[in-house]
Amino acid sequence: MDWEFMKQVNDHQIEKEINHEMDRQAKIKKRELEHTEREELIDGLIFATIVLLLVIAGGFINAI
């Protein structure tokens, strides 16, 4: 058997596995970033809701 050919096949297989692992890690990182962005958006919406409720409550107190 041609050892140079076997080495090329082995190198190609290793390269495929490395690329697959890098793609997998990139997908995991992307999911983590999307999750973080979603949490920040929810936190912002909660803060805005609390501020809005305080403004409404202040209006009712002034009206009384």
N, C-alpha and C. Protein backbone atom coordinates (compact mmCIF):
# COMPACT_ATOMS: atom_id res chain seq x y z
N MET A 1 0.85 -1.18 0.00
CA MET A 1 0.00 0.00 0.00
C MET A 1 0.89 1.25 0.00
N ASP A 2 0.44 2.28 -0.63
CA ASP A 2 1.19 3.53 -0.74
C ASP A 2 1.04 4.32 0.56
N TRP A 3 2.14 4.45 1.30
CA TRP A 3 2.10 5.11 2.60
C TRP A 3 1.82 6.60 2.48
N GLU A 4 2.29 7.22 1.40
CA GLU A 4 2.03 8.65 1.20
C GLU A 4 0.53 8.89 1.02
N PHE A 5 -0.11 8.00 0.26
CA PHE A 5 -1.55 8.10 0.05
C PHE A 5 -2.30 7.93 1.38
N MET A 6 -1.87 6.93 2.17
CA MET A 6 -2.51 6.70 3.47
C MET A 6 -2.34 7.90 4.38
N LYS A 7 -1.19 8.53 4.36
CA LYS A 7 -0.95 9.72 5.17
C LYS A 7 -1.87 10.86 4.73
N GLN A 8 -2.05 11.04 3.43
CA GLN A 8 -2.94 12.10 2.92
C GLN A 8 -4.38 11.85 3.34
N VAL A 9 -4.80 10.57 3.26
CA VAL A 9 -6.17 10.22 3.68
C VAL A 9 -6.34 10.51 5.17
N ASN A 10 -5.36 10.13 5.97
CA ASN A 10 -5.41 10.37 7.41
C ASN A 10 -5.43 11.87 7.71
N ASP A 11 -4.58 12.63 7.04
CA ASP A 11 -4.55 14.09 7.24
C ASP A 11 -5.88 14.71 6.87
N HIS A 12 -6.48 14.22 5.78
CA HIS A 12 -7.78 14.76 5.35
C HIS A 12 -8.86 14.46 6.40
N GLN A 13 -8.82 13.25 6.95
CA GLN A 13 -9.81 12.87 7.97
C GLN A 13 -9.64 13.73 9.22
N ILE A 14 -8.41 13.96 9.63
CA ILE A 14 -8.14 14.81 10.80
C ILE A 14 -8.64 16.23 10.55
N GLU A 15 -8.39 16.73 9.35
CA GLU A 15 -8.84 18.09 9.01
C GLU A 15 -10.37 18.17 9.04
N LYS A 16 -11.06 17.15 8.55
CA LYS A 16 -12.52 17.13 8.59
C LYS A 16 -13.02 17.14 10.03
N GLU A 17 -12.38 16.36 10.89
CA GLU A 17 -12.80 16.30 12.29
C GLU A 17 -12.56 17.64 13.00
N ILE A 18 -11.44 18.28 12.69
CA ILE A 18 -11.15 19.59 13.29
C ILE A 18 -12.18 20.61 12.84
N ASN A 19 -12.50 20.62 11.54
CA ASN A 19 -13.50 21.57 11.02
C ASN A 19 -14.87 21.32 11.65
N HIS A 20 -15.21 20.05 11.81
CA HIS A 20 -16.50 19.70 12.43
C HIS A 20 -16.56 20.22 13.87
N GLU A 21 -15.47 20.02 14.61
CA GLU A 21 -15.43 20.48 16.00
C GLU A 21 -15.48 22.00 16.08
N MET A 22 -14.79 22.68 15.17
CA MET A 22 -14.82 24.15 15.16
C MET A 22 -16.23 24.66 14.85
N ASP A 23 -16.91 24.01 13.90
CA ASP A 23 -18.29 24.39 13.59
C ASP A 23 -19.19 24.19 14.79
N ARG A 24 -19.00 23.07 15.47
CA ARG A 24 -19.82 22.77 16.65
C ARG A 24 -19.60 23.82 17.74
N GLN A 25 -18.33 24.17 17.98
CA GLN A 25 -18.03 25.19 18.99
C GLN A 25 -18.61 26.54 18.60
N ALA A 26 -18.56 26.89 17.31
CA ALA A 26 -19.12 28.17 16.84
C ALA A 26 -20.63 28.21 17.06
N LYS A 27 -21.31 27.09 16.80
CA LYS A 27 -22.76 27.05 17.02
C LYS A 27 -23.10 27.21 18.49
N ILE A 28 -22.31 26.56 19.35
CA ILE A 28 -22.55 26.68 20.80
C ILE A 28 -22.36 28.13 21.24
N LYS A 29 -21.28 28.76 20.79
CA LYS A 29 -21.00 30.15 21.14
C LYS A 29 -22.13 31.07 20.65
N LYS A 30 -22.61 30.82 19.43
CA LYS A 30 -23.69 31.64 18.87
C LYS A 30 -24.95 31.51 19.73
N ARG A 31 -25.27 30.27 20.14
CA ARG A 31 -26.44 30.06 21.00
C ARG A 31 -26.29 30.79 22.33
N GLU A 32 -25.08 30.75 22.91
CA GLU A 32 -24.84 31.43 24.18
C GLU A 32 -25.03 32.94 24.03
N LEU A 33 -24.52 33.50 22.92
CA LEU A 33 -24.67 34.94 22.70
C LEU A 33 -26.13 35.32 22.51
N GLU A 34 -26.88 34.51 21.74
CA GLU A 34 -28.30 34.79 21.53
C GLU A 34 -29.04 34.74 22.86
N HIS A 35 -28.68 33.77 23.70
CA HIS A 35 -29.34 33.64 25.00
C HIS A 35 -29.04 34.86 25.87
N THR A 36 -27.80 35.33 25.85
CA THR A 36 -27.41 36.52 26.63
C THR A 36 -28.16 37.74 26.13
N GLU A 37 -28.25 37.92 24.81
CA GLU A 37 -28.97 39.06 24.25
C GLU A 37 -30.44 39.01 24.65
N ARG A 38 -31.03 37.83 24.65
CA ARG A 38 -32.43 37.66 25.03
C ARG A 38 -32.63 38.05 26.49
N GLU A 39 -31.71 37.62 27.35
CA GLU A 39 -31.81 37.97 28.77
C GLU A 39 -31.70 39.48 28.97
N GLU A 40 -30.79 40.12 28.24
CA GLU A 40 -30.63 41.57 28.36
C GLU A 40 -31.90 42.29 27.89
N LEU A 41 -32.51 41.80 26.83
CA LEU A 41 -33.75 42.40 26.33
C LEU A 41 -34.87 42.27 27.36
N ILE A 42 -34.98 41.10 27.96
CA ILE A 42 -36.01 40.88 28.97
C ILE A 42 -35.77 41.78 30.18
N ASP A 43 -34.51 41.89 30.60
CA ASP A 43 -34.19 42.79 31.72
C ASP A 43 -34.57 44.23 31.40
N GLY A 44 -34.30 44.67 30.18
CA GLY A 44 -34.66 46.02 29.75
C GLY A 44 -36.16 46.24 29.75
N LEU A 45 -36.89 45.25 29.29
CA LEU A 45 -38.35 45.36 29.26
C LEU A 45 -38.93 45.41 30.68
N ILE A 46 -38.37 44.62 31.58
CA ILE A 46 -38.83 44.64 32.98
C ILE A 46 -38.56 46.02 33.59
N PHE A 47 -37.36 46.56 33.35
CA PHE A 47 -37.02 47.88 33.88
C PHE A 47 -37.97 48.95 33.33
N ALA A 48 -38.23 48.91 32.01
CA ALA A 48 -39.12 49.89 31.40
C ALA A 48 -40.53 49.77 31.96
N THR A 49 -40.99 48.56 32.21
CA THR A 49 -42.32 48.35 32.78
C THR A 49 -42.40 48.93 34.19
N ILE A 50 -41.38 48.70 34.99
CA ILE A 50 -41.36 49.24 36.36
C ILE A 50 -41.37 50.77 36.34
N VAL A 51 -40.57 51.37 35.46
CA VAL A 51 -40.55 52.84 35.35
C VAL A 51 -41.92 53.35 34.94
N LEU A 52 -42.53 52.69 33.96
CA LEU A 52 -43.86 53.11 33.49
C LEU A 52 -44.88 53.02 34.63
N LEU A 53 -44.84 51.94 35.40
CA LEU A 53 -45.77 51.80 36.53
C LEU A 53 -45.53 52.88 37.58
N LEU A 54 -44.27 53.24 37.83
CA LEU A 54 -43.97 54.31 38.78
C LEU A 54 -44.49 55.65 38.28
N VAL A 55 -44.37 55.91 36.99
CA VAL A 55 -44.88 57.16 36.42
C VAL A 55 -46.41 57.22 36.54
N ILE A 56 -47.07 56.11 36.25
CA ILE A 56 -48.54 56.06 36.38
C ILE A 56 -48.95 56.26 37.83
N ALA A 57 -48.24 55.58 38.75
CA ALA A 57 -48.56 55.72 40.17
C ALA A 57 -48.34 57.16 40.62
N GLY A 58 -47.27 57.80 40.16
CA GLY A 58 -47.04 59.19 40.50
C GLY A 58 -48.14 60.11 40.00
N GLY A 59 -48.65 59.82 38.80
CA GLY A 59 -49.78 60.59 38.26
C GLY A 59 -51.03 60.46 39.10
N PHE A 60 -51.30 59.24 39.58
CA PHE A 60 -52.48 59.04 40.43
C PHE A 60 -52.31 59.74 41.76
N ILE A 61 -51.09 59.70 42.31
CA ILE A 61 -50.87 60.36 43.61
C ILE A 61 -51.06 61.87 43.46
N ASN A 62 -50.56 62.44 42.36
CA ASN A 62 -50.72 63.89 42.15
C ASN A 62 -52.19 64.26 41.91
N ALA A 63 -52.95 63.34 41.33
CA ALA A 63 -54.35 63.62 41.02
C ALA A 63 -55.21 63.63 42.28
N ILE A 64 -54.74 62.96 43.31
CA ILE A 64 -55.55 62.85 44.54
C ILE A 64 -55.46 64.09 45.39
